Amino acid sequence: MTKRFFYGFLIASSLIFNAAFIAMWLTHAVPRHFMKHFQYGCAESLHQKCPMQKALALSDSQWTLLHPKIESIRETTSGLYRELAKNRTALVDELEKTPTDSAALSACRERIIACQKNMQALVTNHILEEKKMLTQEQQRRFFSAIRSNMSCAGPVP
């Protein structure tokens, strides 16, 4: 009787643990399976259209030219963002010090301003390059989208 009870308990425990394992696996696997059909942002493949490509009605040849430039600017700006964040942290560290060093504060501010100028120049040049590849109507839509997505600006007249 005890052997039978032990084996029954062992089988029931095994079934319960396997069911729990499968439930946890499904909890993690199923959303990932369904979410890959609903990805936002620019698609990795050229067959799927990203929001910018749709909004500007870009042709495949235009997108083939623009996509590598967009990826390149993303990589470059992410490095600048990291540098800017590092300089801002250094500024806060200098502000935190009890005897504040005005020369160090000034140097931190100058580094932040230099990063911001680099970012502005980079983005401006990138926009001018993109503009050359767009038709008049696409340019109108492009600049309209830029105006509507400017987070710090108030309403545009």
Protein backbone atom coordinates (compact mmCIF):
# COMPACT_ATOMS: atom_id res chain seq x y z
CA MET A 1 0.00 0.00 0.00
CA THR A 2 2.79 2.46 0.81
CA LYS A 3 4.59 1.76 -2.49
CA ARG A 4 1.39 2.35 -4.40
CA PHE A 5 0.74 5.59 -2.51
CA PHE A 6 4.34 6.77 -3.08
CA TYR A 7 4.21 6.08 -6.84
CA GLY A 8 0.80 7.73 -7.12
CA PHE A 9 2.10 10.78 -5.30
CA LEU A 10 5.19 10.84 -7.54
CA ILE A 11 3.11 10.67 -10.75
CA ALA A 12 0.64 13.31 -9.53
CA SER A 13 3.51 15.62 -8.53
CA SER A 14 5.17 15.11 -11.89
CA LEU A 15 1.96 15.97 -13.73
CA ILE A 16 1.41 19.08 -11.62
CA PHE A 17 4.98 20.34 -12.10
CA ASN A 18 4.88 19.66 -15.84
CA ALA A 19 1.55 21.48 -16.14
CA ALA A 20 3.01 24.45 -14.22
CA PHE A 21 6.10 24.46 -16.45
CA ILE A 22 4.00 24.38 -19.63
CA ALA A 23 1.74 27.16 -18.31
CA MET A 24 4.74 29.38 -17.55
CA TRP A 25 6.28 28.66 -20.94
CA LEU A 26 3.01 29.54 -22.69
CA THR A 27 2.73 32.72 -20.62
CA HIS A 28 6.05 33.90 -22.02
CA ALA A 29 5.99 32.40 -25.52
CA VAL A 30 2.47 33.23 -26.69
CA PRO A 31 2.65 37.04 -26.29
CA ARG A 32 6.00 37.16 -28.11
CA HIS A 33 4.54 35.09 -30.94
CA PHE A 34 1.57 37.40 -31.38
CA MET A 35 3.46 40.66 -30.76
CA LYS A 36 5.90 40.16 -33.62
CA HIS A 37 2.98 40.86 -35.95
CA PHE A 38 2.37 44.23 -34.26
CA GLN A 39 5.83 45.79 -34.18
CA TYR A 40 6.04 49.54 -34.42
CA GLY A 41 8.88 51.68 -35.64
CA CYS A 42 10.86 51.17 -38.80
CA ALA A 43 10.90 47.60 -39.99
CA GLU A 44 14.13 45.75 -40.49
CA SER A 45 13.06 44.33 -43.79
CA LEU A 46 12.35 46.47 -46.80
CA HIS A 47 9.06 44.65 -47.41
CA GLN A 48 7.36 46.09 -44.33
CA LYS A 49 6.65 49.77 -44.20
CA CYS A 50 7.49 51.97 -41.25
CA PRO A 51 5.25 54.92 -40.25
CA MET A 52 7.50 57.47 -41.97
CA GLN A 53 7.51 55.47 -45.18
CA LYS A 54 3.71 55.28 -45.10
CA ALA A 55 3.12 58.92 -44.12
CA LEU A 56 5.39 60.29 -46.82
CA ALA A 57 4.31 57.69 -49.40
CA LEU A 58 7.94 56.85 -50.16
CA SER A 59 8.69 54.61 -53.09
CA ASP A 60 10.76 51.49 -52.54
CA SER A 61 13.73 53.07 -54.27
CA GLN A 62 13.51 56.16 -52.03
CA TRP A 63 13.26 53.96 -48.94
CA THR A 64 16.25 51.90 -50.07
CA LEU A 65 18.30 55.11 -50.18
CA LEU A 66 16.94 56.61 -46.94
CA HIS A 67 16.90 53.57 -44.66
CA PRO A 68 20.70 53.17 -44.27
CA LYS A 69 21.07 56.90 -43.62
CA ILE A 70 18.38 56.78 -40.94
CA GLU A 71 20.07 53.84 -39.22
CA SER A 72 23.43 55.63 -39.40
CA ILE A 73 22.04 58.80 -37.83
CA ARG A 74 20.41 56.75 -35.07
CA GLU A 75 23.73 55.17 -34.15
CA THR A 76 25.55 58.50 -34.21
CA THR A 77 22.93 60.35 -32.18
CA SER A 78 22.76 57.58 -29.56
CA GLY A 79 26.50 58.11 -28.95
CA LEU A 80 25.94 61.85 -28.64
CA TYR A 81 23.03 61.29 -26.26
CA ARG A 82 25.27 59.13 -24.05
CA GLU A 83 27.98 61.80 -24.08
CA LEU A 84 25.43 64.51 -23.27
CA ALA A 85 24.04 62.46 -20.39
CA LYS A 86 27.57 61.92 -19.06
CA ASN A 87 28.28 65.66 -19.21
CA ARG A 88 24.99 66.49 -17.50
CA THR A 89 25.79 64.02 -14.73
CA ALA A 90 29.20 65.65 -14.32
CA LEU A 91 27.48 69.04 -14.01
CA VAL A 92 25.15 67.74 -11.31
CA ASP A 93 28.15 66.22 -9.50
CA GLU A 94 29.92 69.58 -9.61
CA LEU A 95 26.80 71.35 -8.34
CA GLU A 96 26.57 68.86 -5.49
CA LYS A 97 30.06 69.62 -4.18
CA THR A 98 30.06 71.91 -1.17
CA PRO A 99 32.79 74.28 -2.27
CA THR A 100 31.53 74.79 -5.83
CA ASP A 101 34.21 75.39 -8.40
CA SER A 102 32.93 77.97 -10.88
CA ALA A 103 35.61 77.05 -13.44
CA ALA A 104 34.56 73.38 -13.34
CA LEU A 105 30.89 74.36 -13.64
CA SER A 106 31.71 76.54 -16.61
CA ALA A 107 33.66 73.72 -18.26
CA CYS A 108 30.73 71.31 -17.75
CA ARG A 109 28.31 73.81 -19.28
CA GLU A 110 30.62 74.33 -22.25
CA ARG A 111 30.85 70.57 -22.86
CA ILE A 112 27.04 70.30 -22.72
CA ILE A 113 26.64 73.21 -25.16
CA ALA A 114 29.23 71.65 -27.50
CA CYS A 115 27.32 68.34 -27.50
CA GLN A 116 24.06 70.14 -28.20
CA LYS A 117 25.65 72.07 -31.07
CA ASN A 118 27.02 68.83 -32.54
CA MET A 119 23.59 67.23 -32.27
CA GLN A 120 21.90 70.21 -33.92
CA ALA A 121 24.40 70.25 -36.78
CA LEU A 122 24.12 66.49 -37.28
CA VAL A 123 20.32 66.50 -37.34
CA THR A 124 20.15 69.58 -39.56
CA ASN A 125 22.53 68.07 -42.10
CA HIS A 126 20.60 64.80 -42.03
CA ILE A 127 17.30 66.58 -42.65
CA LEU A 128 18.83 68.49 -45.57
CA GLU A 129 20.08 65.21 -47.07
CA GLU A 130 16.65 63.62 -46.68
CA LYS A 131 14.99 66.67 -48.22
CA LYS A 132 17.00 66.21 -51.42
CA MET A 133 15.52 62.74 -51.91
CA LEU A 134 11.89 63.78 -51.44
CA THR A 135 9.38 65.21 -53.85
CA GLN A 136 7.70 68.57 -53.12
CA GLU A 137 4.60 66.90 -51.68
CA GLN A 138 6.69 64.52 -49.56
CA GLN A 139 8.73 67.48 -48.29
CA ARG A 140 5.53 69.27 -47.30
CA ARG A 141 4.33 66.21 -45.35
CA PHE A 142 7.78 65.67 -43.85
CA PHE A 143 8.10 69.19 -42.45
CA SER A 144 4.49 69.15 -41.32
CA ALA A 145 5.24 65.98 -39.33
CA ILE A 146 8.35 67.57 -37.85
CA ARG A 147 6.34 70.62 -36.76
CA SER A 148 3.60 68.54 -35.20
CA ASN A 149 6.09 66.36 -33.29
CA MET A 150 8.15 69.17 -31.80
CA SER A 151 7.72 68.48 -28.09
CA CYS A 152 8.96 71.77 -26.64
CA ALA A 153 7.38 74.13 -29.09
CA GLY A 154 3.99 75.61 -28.51
CA PRO A 155 1.28 75.67 -31.14
CA VAL A 156 2.60 76.54 -34.57
CA PRO A 157 0.65 79.41 -36.19
